[in-house]
Amino acid sequence: MNETIRDLLAKCGALPVTMDQIADDADLYAAGLSSFASVQLMLGIEEAFDIEFPDNLLNRKSFASIVAIEKTVGMILDSRKVV
């Protein structure tokens, strides 16, 4: 999951730094992630993991870091298993 998220960040994030300069817990917004880029990232994640972000997870906190994105995607995937 981490590698996929990093690949999507590299493609959609429009960050002014390379992905090898971003730690998993680094603040992506401080690193240059814009709100437009976060929407593009969200769409890429939805496609890559075949998920849909619920409204309550569409917030800055969900995309604050790679760790936060992994946690959010994991929660969405886990919620599908409990049906």
Protein backbone atom coordinates (compact mmCIF):
# COMPACT_ATOMS: atom_id res chain seq x y z
CA MET A 1 0.00 0.00 0.00
CA ASN A 2 2.80 2.41 0.90
CA GLU A 3 4.47 2.07 -2.50
CA THR A 4 1.18 2.62 -4.35
CA ILE A 5 0.44 5.74 -2.30
CA ARG A 6 3.96 7.06 -2.92
CA ASP A 7 3.59 6.42 -6.67
CA LEU A 8 0.27 8.26 -6.70
CA LEU A 9 1.74 11.15 -4.73
CA ALA A 10 4.56 11.40 -7.24
CA LYS A 11 2.04 11.44 -10.12
CA CYS A 12 -0.77 13.54 -8.64
CA GLY A 13 0.72 15.43 -5.71
CA ALA A 14 2.68 18.04 -7.68
CA LEU A 15 5.10 18.25 -4.75
CA PRO A 16 8.22 20.39 -5.21
CA VAL A 17 10.35 17.60 -3.69
CA THR A 18 11.01 14.01 -4.72
CA MET A 19 9.27 11.17 -2.93
CA ASP A 20 12.53 9.91 -1.45
CA GLN A 21 12.68 13.21 0.47
CA ILE A 22 9.27 12.59 2.09
CA ALA A 23 9.12 10.55 5.29
CA ASP A 24 6.01 8.46 5.88
CA ASP A 25 4.95 10.75 8.73
CA ALA A 26 5.89 14.04 7.04
CA ASP A 27 3.20 16.74 6.73
CA LEU A 28 2.31 16.59 3.05
CA TYR A 29 0.67 20.02 3.11
CA ALA A 30 3.84 21.56 4.56
CA ALA A 31 5.74 19.76 1.78
CA GLY A 32 3.59 21.54 -0.82
CA LEU A 33 0.45 19.42 -1.34
CA SER A 34 -2.32 21.75 -2.51
CA SER A 35 -6.04 21.20 -2.05
CA PHE A 36 -6.37 20.64 -5.82
CA ALA A 37 -3.57 18.06 -5.75
CA SER A 38 -5.17 16.34 -2.74
CA VAL A 39 -8.39 15.90 -4.77
CA GLN A 40 -6.39 14.43 -7.66
CA LEU A 41 -4.61 12.16 -5.18
CA MET A 42 -7.93 11.06 -3.67
CA LEU A 43 -9.27 10.16 -7.12
CA GLY A 44 -6.11 8.19 -7.88
CA ILE A 45 -6.36 6.33 -4.58
CA GLU A 46 -10.02 5.52 -5.16
CA GLU A 47 -9.17 4.04 -8.55
CA ALA A 48 -6.05 2.17 -7.39
CA PHE A 49 -7.72 0.55 -4.37
CA ASP A 50 -11.26 0.32 -5.82
CA ILE A 51 -12.72 2.31 -2.93
CA GLU A 52 -14.79 5.43 -2.40
CA PHE A 53 -13.98 7.91 0.35
CA PRO A 54 -17.03 8.56 2.51
CA ASP A 55 -17.84 12.22 3.19
CA ASN A 56 -16.68 12.00 6.82
CA LEU A 57 -13.14 11.10 5.66
CA LEU A 58 -12.85 13.86 3.06
CA ASN A 59 -10.76 16.17 5.19
CA ARG A 60 -7.25 17.50 5.50
CA LYS A 61 -6.42 15.07 8.33
CA SER A 62 -7.04 12.03 6.08
CA PHE A 63 -4.37 13.23 3.62
CA ALA A 64 -1.94 14.87 6.07
CA SER A 65 0.79 12.24 5.65
CA ILE A 66 1.46 8.93 3.98
CA VAL A 67 0.77 7.24 7.33
CA ALA A 68 -2.59 9.05 7.57
CA ILE A 69 -3.51 8.03 4.02
CA GLU A 70 -2.60 4.39 4.73
CA LYS A 71 -4.71 4.45 7.89
CA THR A 72 -7.67 6.02 6.08
CA VAL A 73 -7.51 3.58 3.16
CA GLY A 74 -7.14 0.69 5.61
CA MET A 75 -10.26 1.80 7.49
CA ILE A 76 -12.25 1.96 4.26
CA LEU A 77 -11.03 -1.47 3.15
CA ASP A 78 -11.72 -2.97 6.60
CA SER A 79 -15.25 -1.54 6.63
CA ARG A 80 -16.02 -3.40 3.40
CA LYS A 81 -15.10 -6.72 5.03
CA VAL A 82 -17.60 -6.25 7.87
CA VAL A 83 -20.67 -6.22 5.62
